[in-house]
């Protein structure tokens, strides 16, 4: 798996009926784009992630909106 800052990380649900989790990669801590990644998720929390086989990196495009920190508005 390879990622750069600004890419989106999709973590697919392991059960039917549950939503996937989407986050924006803030830091790439591995060498040459490898995990782990510091990710801000759509609910505002941040965490260090070692993505598993149920994950997908979507490269950032100029049209991709950024995931905002929900705690900054408080």
N, C-alpha and C. Protein backbone atom coordinates (compact mmCIF):
# COMPACT_ATOMS: atom_id res chain seq x y z
N UNK A 1 0.85 -1.17 0.00
CA UNK A 1 0.00 0.00 0.00
C UNK A 1 0.90 1.23 0.00
N UNK A 2 0.52 2.23 -0.79
CA UNK A 2 1.30 3.46 -0.93
C UNK A 2 0.35 4.64 -0.83
N UNK A 3 0.75 5.67 -0.07
CA UNK A 3 -0.10 6.85 0.09
C UNK A 3 0.77 8.09 0.21
N UNK A 4 0.14 9.24 -0.03
CA UNK A 4 0.77 10.53 0.19
C UNK A 4 -0.19 11.39 1.02
N UNK A 5 0.33 12.45 1.60
CA UNK A 5 -0.49 13.35 2.41
C UNK A 5 -1.62 13.91 1.54
N UNK A 6 -2.83 13.90 2.07
CA UNK A 6 -4.00 14.39 1.35
C UNK A 6 -4.83 13.30 0.71
N UNK A 7 -4.27 12.10 0.56
CA UNK A 7 -5.05 10.97 0.03
C UNK A 7 -6.14 10.60 1.03
N UNK A 8 -7.14 9.89 0.55
CA UNK A 8 -8.21 9.41 1.42
C UNK A 8 -8.02 7.92 1.68
N UNK A 9 -8.29 7.54 2.90
CA UNK A 9 -8.23 6.14 3.30
C UNK A 9 -9.66 5.66 3.52
N UNK A 10 -10.06 4.65 2.78
CA UNK A 10 -11.38 4.03 2.93
C UNK A 10 -11.17 2.69 3.64
N UNK A 11 -11.85 2.51 4.75
CA UNK A 11 -11.82 1.24 5.47
C UNK A 11 -13.20 0.64 5.35
N UNK A 12 -13.30 -0.41 4.58
CA UNK A 12 -14.59 -1.04 4.30
C UNK A 12 -15.09 -1.80 5.53
N UNK A 13 -16.39 -1.86 5.69
CA UNK A 13 -17.02 -2.55 6.80
C UNK A 13 -16.81 -4.05 6.68
N UNK A 14 -16.66 -4.69 7.83
CA UNK A 14 -16.52 -6.15 7.84
C UNK A 14 -17.86 -6.85 8.00
N UNK A 15 -18.95 -6.05 8.08
CA UNK A 15 -20.28 -6.63 8.26
C UNK A 15 -21.27 -5.93 7.33
N UNK A 16 -22.24 -6.68 6.87
CA UNK A 16 -23.27 -6.13 5.99
C UNK A 16 -24.11 -5.11 6.75
N UNK A 17 -24.38 -3.98 6.10
CA UNK A 17 -25.23 -2.97 6.70
C UNK A 17 -24.49 -1.88 7.45
N UNK A 18 -23.19 -2.03 7.66
CA UNK A 18 -22.41 -1.01 8.34
C UNK A 18 -21.70 -0.14 7.30
N UNK A 19 -21.56 1.15 7.61
CA UNK A 19 -20.91 2.07 6.69
C UNK A 19 -19.40 1.90 6.72
N UNK A 20 -18.76 2.28 5.61
CA UNK A 20 -17.31 2.29 5.60
C UNK A 20 -16.82 3.54 6.33
N UNK A 21 -15.59 3.51 6.78
CA UNK A 21 -14.97 4.63 7.45
C UNK A 21 -14.06 5.33 6.46
N UNK A 22 -14.13 6.66 6.40
CA UNK A 22 -13.31 7.43 5.47
C UNK A 22 -12.51 8.46 6.25
N UNK A 23 -11.23 8.56 5.90
CA UNK A 23 -10.37 9.54 6.56
C UNK A 23 -9.38 10.14 5.59
N UNK A 24 -8.81 11.27 5.98
CA UNK A 24 -7.79 11.94 5.18
C UNK A 24 -6.43 11.68 5.80
N UNK A 25 -5.47 11.30 5.00
CA UNK A 25 -4.13 11.02 5.48
C UNK A 25 -3.41 12.34 5.74
N UNK A 26 -3.02 12.56 7.00
CA UNK A 26 -2.35 13.79 7.40
C UNK A 26 -0.84 13.64 7.40
N UNK A 27 -0.35 12.44 7.74
CA UNK A 27 1.08 12.16 7.76
C UNK A 27 1.32 10.74 7.29
N UNK A 28 2.41 10.55 6.57
CA UNK A 28 2.87 9.21 6.19
C UNK A 28 4.13 8.96 6.99
N UNK A 29 4.09 8.00 7.90
CA UNK A 29 5.22 7.78 8.80
C UNK A 29 6.12 6.64 8.37
N UNK A 30 5.69 5.86 7.39
CA UNK A 30 6.53 4.79 6.87
C UNK A 30 7.43 5.31 5.76
N UNK A 31 8.35 4.49 5.33
CA UNK A 31 9.25 4.91 4.26
C UNK A 31 8.58 4.73 2.90
N UNK A 32 8.80 5.68 2.01
CA UNK A 32 8.31 5.63 0.63
C UNK A 32 6.80 5.42 0.53
N UNK A 33 6.03 6.08 1.38
CA UNK A 33 4.58 6.03 1.31
C UNK A 33 3.93 4.85 2.00
N UNK A 34 4.72 4.08 2.73
CA UNK A 34 4.19 2.90 3.41
C UNK A 34 3.58 3.28 4.76
N UNK A 35 2.68 2.43 5.29
CA UNK A 35 2.10 2.67 6.60
C UNK A 35 3.18 2.67 7.68
N UNK A 36 2.87 3.24 8.85
CA UNK A 36 1.57 3.71 9.31
C UNK A 36 1.25 5.11 8.82
N UNK A 37 -0.04 5.46 8.89
CA UNK A 37 -0.54 6.76 8.48
C UNK A 37 -1.26 7.42 9.65
N UNK A 38 -1.04 8.72 9.81
CA UNK A 38 -1.85 9.50 10.74
C UNK A 38 -3.05 9.98 9.95
N UNK A 39 -4.25 9.62 10.40
CA UNK A 39 -5.47 9.85 9.63
C UNK A 39 -6.48 10.64 10.45
N UNK A 40 -7.13 11.62 9.82
CA UNK A 40 -8.27 12.32 10.42
C UNK A 40 -9.53 11.75 9.78
N UNK A 41 -10.40 11.21 10.60
CA UNK A 41 -11.62 10.58 10.11
C UNK A 41 -12.75 11.60 10.02
N UNK A 42 -13.79 11.24 9.31
CA UNK A 42 -14.90 12.16 9.05
C UNK A 42 -15.65 12.57 10.32
N UNK A 43 -15.51 11.82 11.41
CA UNK A 43 -16.15 12.21 12.67
C UNK A 43 -15.25 13.13 13.50
N UNK A 44 -14.05 13.46 12.97
CA UNK A 44 -13.16 14.41 13.62
C UNK A 44 -12.02 13.81 14.41
N UNK A 45 -12.08 12.53 14.75
CA UNK A 45 -10.98 11.97 15.54
C UNK A 45 -9.80 11.63 14.63
N UNK A 46 -8.62 11.63 15.24
CA UNK A 46 -7.40 11.31 14.52
C UNK A 46 -6.77 10.08 15.14
N UNK A 47 -6.10 9.27 14.32
CA UNK A 47 -5.44 8.09 14.84
C UNK A 47 -4.36 7.59 13.91
N UNK A 48 -3.45 6.81 14.49
CA UNK A 48 -2.40 6.17 13.73
C UNK A 48 -2.93 4.85 13.21
N UNK A 49 -2.87 4.65 11.90
CA UNK A 49 -3.52 3.50 11.27
C UNK A 49 -2.51 2.67 10.49
N UNK A 50 -2.56 1.37 10.71
CA UNK A 50 -1.88 0.39 9.88
C UNK A 50 -2.99 -0.31 9.09
N UNK A 51 -3.29 0.14 7.86
CA UNK A 51 -4.44 -0.39 7.12
C UNK A 51 -4.31 -1.89 6.83
N UNK A 52 -5.44 -2.56 6.92
CA UNK A 52 -5.50 -3.98 6.63
C UNK A 52 -6.00 -4.24 5.22
N UNK A 53 -6.31 -5.49 4.92
CA UNK A 53 -6.75 -5.87 3.57
C UNK A 53 -8.13 -5.31 3.20
N UNK A 54 -8.86 -4.80 4.18
CA UNK A 54 -10.18 -4.22 3.91
C UNK A 54 -10.10 -2.72 3.65
N UNK A 55 -8.88 -2.21 3.40
CA UNK A 55 -8.67 -0.78 3.21
C UNK A 55 -8.23 -0.46 1.78
N UNK A 56 -8.50 0.79 1.39
CA UNK A 56 -8.17 1.26 0.05
C UNK A 56 -7.72 2.71 0.14
N UNK A 57 -6.62 3.05 -0.54
CA UNK A 57 -6.16 4.44 -0.60
C UNK A 57 -6.65 5.05 -1.89
N UNK A 58 -7.36 6.18 -1.78
CA UNK A 58 -7.85 6.92 -2.95
C UNK A 58 -6.97 8.16 -3.09
N UNK A 59 -6.24 8.27 -4.21
CA UNK A 59 -5.37 9.44 -4.40
C UNK A 59 -6.18 10.73 -4.39
N UNK A 60 -5.57 11.77 -3.83
CA UNK A 60 -6.23 13.08 -3.77
C UNK A 60 -6.28 13.70 -5.16
N UNK A 61 -7.42 14.31 -5.46
CA UNK A 61 -7.57 15.05 -6.71
C UNK A 61 -7.85 16.50 -6.36
N UNK A 62 -7.76 17.37 -7.33
CA UNK A 62 -8.01 18.78 -7.08
C UNK A 62 -9.46 19.04 -6.67
N UNK A 63 -10.37 18.12 -7.02
CA UNK A 63 -11.78 18.27 -6.67
C UNK A 63 -12.13 17.67 -5.32
N UNK A 64 -11.20 16.93 -4.70
CA UNK A 64 -11.48 16.27 -3.43
C UNK A 64 -11.60 17.28 -2.30
N UNK A 65 -12.75 17.33 -1.64
CA UNK A 65 -12.86 18.22 -0.48
C UNK A 65 -12.05 17.67 0.68
N UNK A 66 -11.52 18.54 1.51
CA UNK A 66 -10.76 18.10 2.68
C UNK A 66 -11.71 17.72 3.79
N UNK A 67 -11.29 16.81 4.63
CA UNK A 67 -12.07 16.44 5.80
C UNK A 67 -11.71 17.43 6.89
N UNK A 68 -12.71 18.14 7.41
CA UNK A 68 -12.47 19.19 8.39
C UNK A 68 -12.43 18.62 9.80
N UNK A 69 -11.67 19.27 10.63
CA UNK A 69 -11.59 18.90 12.04
C UNK A 69 -12.83 19.41 12.74
N UNK A 70 -13.69 18.52 13.17
CA UNK A 70 -14.96 18.92 13.78
C UNK A 70 -14.76 19.54 15.16
N UNK A 71 -13.61 19.34 15.78
CA UNK A 71 -13.37 19.90 17.11
C UNK A 71 -12.96 21.36 17.05
N UNK A 72 -12.49 21.86 15.90
CA UNK A 72 -12.03 23.24 15.80
C UNK A 72 -13.19 24.25 15.88
N UNK A 73 -14.40 23.82 15.61
CA UNK A 73 -15.56 24.70 15.63
C UNK A 73 -16.12 24.87 17.05
N UNK A 74 -15.60 24.11 18.00
CA UNK A 74 -16.13 24.15 19.37
C UNK A 74 -15.53 25.25 20.18
